[in-house]
PDB file of N, CA and C in Angstrom:
ATOM      1  N   UNK A   1      48.229 -85.806 -53.876  1.00  0.00           N
ATOM      2  CA  UNK A   1      48.241 -85.092 -52.636  1.00  0.00           C
ATOM      3  C   UNK A   1      49.441 -84.155 -52.559  1.00  0.00           C
ATOM      4  N   UNK A   2      50.566 -84.595 -53.073  1.00  0.00           N
ATOM      5  CA  UNK A   2      51.755 -83.746 -53.052  1.00  0.00           C
ATOM      6  C   UNK A   2      51.507 -82.443 -53.803  1.00  0.00           C
ATOM      7  N   UNK A   3      50.954 -82.545 -55.003  1.00  0.00           N
ATOM      8  CA  UNK A   3      50.708 -81.364 -55.828  1.00  0.00           C
ATOM      9  C   UNK A   3      49.737 -80.406 -55.137  1.00  0.00           C
ATOM     10  N   UNK A   4      48.648 -80.909 -54.609  1.00  0.00           N
ATOM     11  CA  UNK A   4      47.656 -80.062 -53.942  1.00  0.00           C
ATOM     12  C   UNK A   4      48.251 -79.421 -52.698  1.00  0.00           C
ATOM     13  N   UNK A   5      48.984 -80.199 -51.905  1.00  0.00           N
ATOM     14  CA  UNK A   5      49.607 -79.660 -50.699  1.00  0.00           C
ATOM     15  C   UNK A   5      50.603 -78.560 -51.046  1.00  0.00           C
ATOM     16  N   UNK A   6      51.378 -78.773 -52.098  1.00  0.00           N
ATOM     17  CA  UNK A   6      52.359 -77.767 -52.510  1.00  0.00           C
ATOM     18  C   UNK A   6      51.676 -76.487 -52.969  1.00  0.00           C
ATOM     19  N   UNK A   7      50.599 -76.597 -53.717  1.00  0.00           N
ATOM     20  CA  UNK A   7      49.870 -75.426 -54.196  1.00  0.00           C
ATOM     21  C   UNK A   7      49.192 -74.665 -53.055  1.00  0.00           C
ATOM     22  N   UNK A   8      48.780 -75.355 -52.003  1.00  0.00           N
ATOM     23  CA  UNK A   8      48.053 -74.741 -50.899  1.00  0.00           C
ATOM     24  C   UNK A   8      48.926 -74.424 -49.686  1.00  0.00           C
ATOM     25  N   UNK A   9      50.241 -74.550 -49.812  1.00  0.00           N
ATOM     26  CA  UNK A   9      51.124 -74.404 -48.650  1.00  0.00           C
ATOM     27  C   UNK A   9      51.055 -73.038 -47.989  1.00  0.00           C
ATOM     28  N   UNK A  10      50.727 -71.992 -48.723  1.00  0.00           N
ATOM     29  CA  UNK A  10      50.645 -70.652 -48.153  1.00  0.00           C
ATOM     30  C   UNK A  10      49.224 -70.250 -47.757  1.00  0.00           C
ATOM     31  N   UNK A  11      48.306 -71.176 -47.824  1.00  0.00           N
ATOM     32  CA  UNK A  11      46.923 -70.888 -47.449  1.00  0.00           C
ATOM     33  C   UNK A  11      46.596 -71.588 -46.123  1.00  0.00           C
ATOM     34  N   UNK A  12      45.509 -71.208 -45.477  1.00  0.00           N
ATOM     35  CA  UNK A  12      45.139 -71.831 -44.199  1.00  0.00           C
ATOM     36  C   UNK A  12      44.496 -73.219 -44.351  1.00  0.00           C
ATOM     37  N   UNK A  13      44.434 -73.728 -45.565  1.00  0.00           N
ATOM     38  CA  UNK A  13      43.819 -75.032 -45.831  1.00  0.00           C
ATOM     39  C   UNK A  13      44.800 -76.141 -45.494  1.00  0.00           C
ATOM     40  N   UNK A  14      44.314 -77.187 -44.832  1.00  0.00           N
ATOM     41  CA  UNK A  14      45.169 -78.347 -44.567  1.00  0.00           C
ATOM     42  C   UNK A  14      44.711 -79.521 -45.417  1.00  0.00           C
ATOM     43  N   UNK A  15      45.653 -80.337 -45.816  1.00  0.00           N
ATOM     44  CA  UNK A  15      45.380 -81.514 -46.638  1.00  0.00           C
ATOM     45  C   UNK A  15      45.599 -82.747 -45.773  1.00  0.00           C
ATOM     46  N   UNK A  16      44.670 -83.695 -45.860  1.00  0.00           N
ATOM     47  CA  UNK A  16      44.813 -84.918 -45.082  1.00  0.00           C
ATOM     48  C   UNK A  16      44.364 -86.115 -45.903  1.00  0.00           C
ATOM     49  N   UNK A  17      44.795 -87.272 -45.476  1.00  0.00           N
ATOM     50  CA  UNK A  17      44.440 -88.531 -46.111  1.00  0.00           C
ATOM     51  C   UNK A  17      43.517 -89.295 -45.183  1.00  0.00           C
ATOM     52  N   UNK A  18      42.519 -89.970 -45.744  1.00  0.00           N
ATOM     53  CA  UNK A  18      41.668 -90.763 -44.875  1.00  0.00           C
ATOM     54  C   UNK A  18      42.484 -91.916 -44.302  1.00  0.00           C
ATOM     55  N   UNK A  19      42.127 -92.322 -43.101  1.00  0.00           N
ATOM     56  CA  UNK A  19      42.897 -93.333 -42.382  1.00  0.00           C
ATOM     57  C   UNK A  19      42.584 -94.748 -42.875  1.00  0.00           C
ATOM     58  N   UNK A  20      42.986 -95.721 -42.115  1.00  0.00           N
ATOM     59  CA  UNK A  20      42.812 -97.127 -42.475  1.00  0.00           C
ATOM     60  C   UNK A  20      41.357 -97.502 -42.706  1.00  0.00           C
ATOM     61  N   UNK A  21      41.161 -98.525 -43.474  1.00  0.00           N
ATOM     62  CA  UNK A  21      39.832 -99.061 -43.698  1.00  0.00           C
ATOM     63  C   UNK A  21      39.308 -98.813 -45.092  1.00  0.00           C
ATOM     64  N   UNK A  22      39.764 -97.758 -45.723  1.00  0.00           N
ATOM     65  CA  UNK A  22      39.359 -97.439 -47.087  1.00  0.00           C
ATOM     66  C   UNK A  22      40.626 -97.421 -47.928  1.00  0.00           C
ATOM     67  N   UNK A  23      40.672 -98.240 -48.955  1.00  0.00           N
ATOM     68  CA  UNK A  23      41.882 -98.328 -49.767  1.00  0.00           C
ATOM     69  C   UNK A  23      42.094 -97.056 -50.572  1.00  0.00           C
ATOM     70  N   UNK A  24      43.358 -96.701 -50.763  1.00  0.00           N
ATOM     71  CA  UNK A  24      43.721 -95.508 -51.528  1.00  0.00           C
ATOM     72  C   UNK A  24      43.233 -95.699 -52.962  1.00  0.00           C
ATOM     73  N   UNK A  25      42.419 -94.782 -53.428  1.00  0.00           N
ATOM     74  CA  UNK A  25      41.880 -94.884 -54.781  1.00  0.00           C
ATOM     75  C   UNK A  25      40.658 -95.789 -54.867  1.00  0.00           C
ATOM     76  N   UNK A  26      40.209 -96.297 -53.728  1.00  0.00           N
ATOM     77  CA  UNK A  26      39.049 -97.188 -53.714  1.00  0.00           C
ATOM     78  C   UNK A  26      37.746 -96.436 -53.898  1.00  0.00           C
ATOM     79  N   UNK A  27      36.724 -97.151 -54.232  1.00  0.00           N
ATOM     80  CA  UNK A  27      35.407 -96.559 -54.410  1.00  0.00           C
ATOM     81  C   UNK A  27      34.735 -96.386 -53.060  1.00  0.00           C
ATOM     82  N   UNK A  28      34.425 -95.148 -52.698  1.00  0.00           N
ATOM     83  CA  UNK A  28      33.805 -94.875 -51.406  1.00  0.00           C
ATOM     84  C   UNK A  28      32.400 -95.449 -51.303  1.00  0.00           C
ATOM     85  N   UNK A  29      31.734 -95.640 -52.427  1.00  0.00           N
ATOM     86  CA  UNK A  29      30.370 -96.162 -52.381  1.00  0.00           C
ATOM     87  C   UNK A  29      30.326 -97.613 -51.881  1.00  0.00           C
ATOM     88  N   UNK A  30      31.451 -98.322 -51.904  1.00  0.00           N
ATOM     89  CA  UNK A  30      31.490 -99.709 -51.445  1.00  0.00           C
ATOM     90  C   UNK A  30      31.922 -99.846 -49.995  1.00  0.00           C
ATOM     91  N   UNK A  31      32.329 -98.747 -49.365  1.00  0.00           N
ATOM     92  CA  UNK A  31      32.734 -98.783 -47.956  1.00  0.00           C
ATOM     93  C   UNK A  31      31.492 -98.671 -47.080  1.00  0.00           C
ATOM     94  N   UNK A  32      31.459 -99.445 -46.011  1.00  0.00           N
ATOM     95  CA  UNK A  32      30.308 -99.350 -45.110  1.00  0.00           C
ATOM     96  C   UNK A  32      30.408 -98.066 -44.286  1.00  0.00           C
ATOM     97  N   UNK A  33      29.292 -97.644 -43.710  1.00  0.00           N
ATOM     98  CA  UNK A  33      29.222 -96.360 -43.009  1.00  0.00           C
ATOM     99  C   UNK A  33      30.163 -96.273 -41.817  1.00  0.00           C
ATOM    100  N   UNK A  34      30.301 -97.348 -41.057  1.00  0.00           N
ATOM    101  CA  UNK A  34      31.158 -97.334 -39.871  1.00  0.00           C
ATOM    102  C   UNK A  34      32.619 -97.178 -40.272  1.00  0.00           C
ATOM    103  N   UNK A  35      33.065 -97.958 -41.240  1.00  0.00           N
ATOM    104  CA  UNK A  35      34.454 -97.878 -41.708  1.00  0.00           C
ATOM    105  C   UNK A  35      34.748 -96.505 -42.288  1.00  0.00           C
ATOM    106  N   UNK A  36      33.854 -95.987 -43.094  1.00  0.00           N
ATOM    107  CA  UNK A  36      34.054 -94.679 -43.700  1.00  0.00           C
ATOM    108  C   UNK A  36      34.089 -93.584 -42.630  1.00  0.00           C
ATOM    109  N   UNK A  37      33.194 -93.649 -41.674  1.00  0.00           N
ATOM    110  CA  UNK A  37      33.164 -92.663 -40.589  1.00  0.00           C
ATOM    111  C   UNK A  37      34.434 -92.667 -39.768  1.00  0.00           C
ATOM    112  N   UNK A  38      34.914 -93.850 -39.408  1.00  0.00           N
ATOM    113  CA  UNK A  38      36.157 -93.952 -38.627  1.00  0.00           C
ATOM    114  C   UNK A  38      37.355 -93.467 -39.425  1.00  0.00           C
ATOM    115  N   UNK A  39      37.368 -93.741 -40.717  1.00  0.00           N
ATOM    116  CA  UNK A  39      38.484 -93.304 -41.563  1.00  0.00           C
ATOM    117  C   UNK A  39      38.539 -91.790 -41.690  1.00  0.00           C
ATOM    118  N   UNK A  40      37.391 -91.160 -41.741  1.00  0.00           N
ATOM    119  CA  UNK A  40      37.353 -89.699 -41.852  1.00  0.00           C
ATOM    120  C   UNK A  40      37.751 -89.052 -40.527  1.00  0.00           C
ATOM    121  N   UNK A  41      37.256 -89.587 -39.413  1.00  0.00           N
ATOM    122  CA  UNK A  41      37.581 -89.028 -38.099  1.00  0.00           C
ATOM    123  C   UNK A  41      39.074 -89.160 -37.796  1.00  0.00           C
ATOM    124  N   UNK A  42      39.685 -90.258 -38.206  1.00  0.00           N
ATOM    125  CA  UNK A  42      41.092 -90.525 -37.892  1.00  0.00           C
ATOM    126  C   UNK A  42      42.021 -90.179 -39.056  1.00  0.00           C
ATOM    127  N   UNK A  43      41.612 -89.226 -39.890  1.00  0.00           N
ATOM    128  CA  UNK A  43      42.442 -88.899 -41.057  1.00  0.00           C
ATOM    129  C   UNK A  43      43.831 -88.403 -40.634  1.00  0.00           C
ATOM    130  N   UNK A  44      44.780 -88.543 -41.537  1.00  0.00           N
ATOM    131  CA  UNK A  44      46.185 -88.273 -41.257  1.00  0.00           C
ATOM    132  C   UNK A  44      46.621 -87.031 -42.028  1.00  0.00           C
ATOM    133  N   UNK A  45      47.134 -85.994 -41.328  1.00  0.00           N
ATOM    134  CA  UNK A  45      47.606 -84.787 -42.027  1.00  0.00           C
ATOM    135  C   UNK A  45      48.757 -85.113 -42.968  1.00  0.00           C
ATOM    136  N   UNK A  46      48.749 -84.516 -44.136  1.00  0.00           N
ATOM    137  CA  UNK A  46      49.823 -84.705 -45.118  1.00  0.00           C
ATOM    138  C   UNK A  46      50.781 -83.538 -45.000  1.00  0.00           C
ATOM    139  N   UNK A  47      52.039 -83.810 -44.837  1.00  0.00           N
ATOM    140  CA  UNK A  47      53.067 -82.777 -44.709  1.00  0.00           C
ATOM    141  C   UNK A  47      54.093 -82.946 -45.827  1.00  0.00           C
ATOM    142  N   UNK A  48      54.550 -81.829 -46.354  1.00  0.00           N
ATOM    143  CA  UNK A  48      55.643 -81.864 -47.325  1.00  0.00           C
ATOM    144  C   UNK A  48      56.929 -82.186 -46.589  1.00  0.00           C
ATOM    145  N   UNK A  49      57.842 -82.909 -47.209  1.00  0.00           N
ATOM    146  CA  UNK A  49      59.092 -83.317 -46.561  1.00  0.00           C
ATOM    147  C   UNK A  49      59.991 -82.151 -46.180  1.00  0.00           C
ATOM    148  N   UNK A  50      59.929 -81.060 -46.933  1.00  0.00           N
ATOM    149  CA  UNK A  50      60.812 -79.945 -46.660  1.00  0.00           C
ATOM    150  C   UNK A  50      60.248 -78.949 -45.645  1.00  0.00           C
ATOM    151  N   UNK A  51      59.139 -79.272 -44.995  1.00  0.00           N
ATOM    152  CA  UNK A  51      58.551 -78.386 -43.976  1.00  0.00           C
ATOM    153  C   UNK A  51      59.034 -78.767 -42.600  1.00  0.00           C
TER     154      UNK A  51
END
């Protein structure tokens, strides 16, 4: 996420992480629809430390 955010810092694209309920690096095919939906809706914006 750091690398992608750094490369896109001058573009209008925002980078975010899915929220709780889905483990980082986990297989999305094993997450149930409700958990996956809530995680996407409540995603967390990723910010570089020097911004």
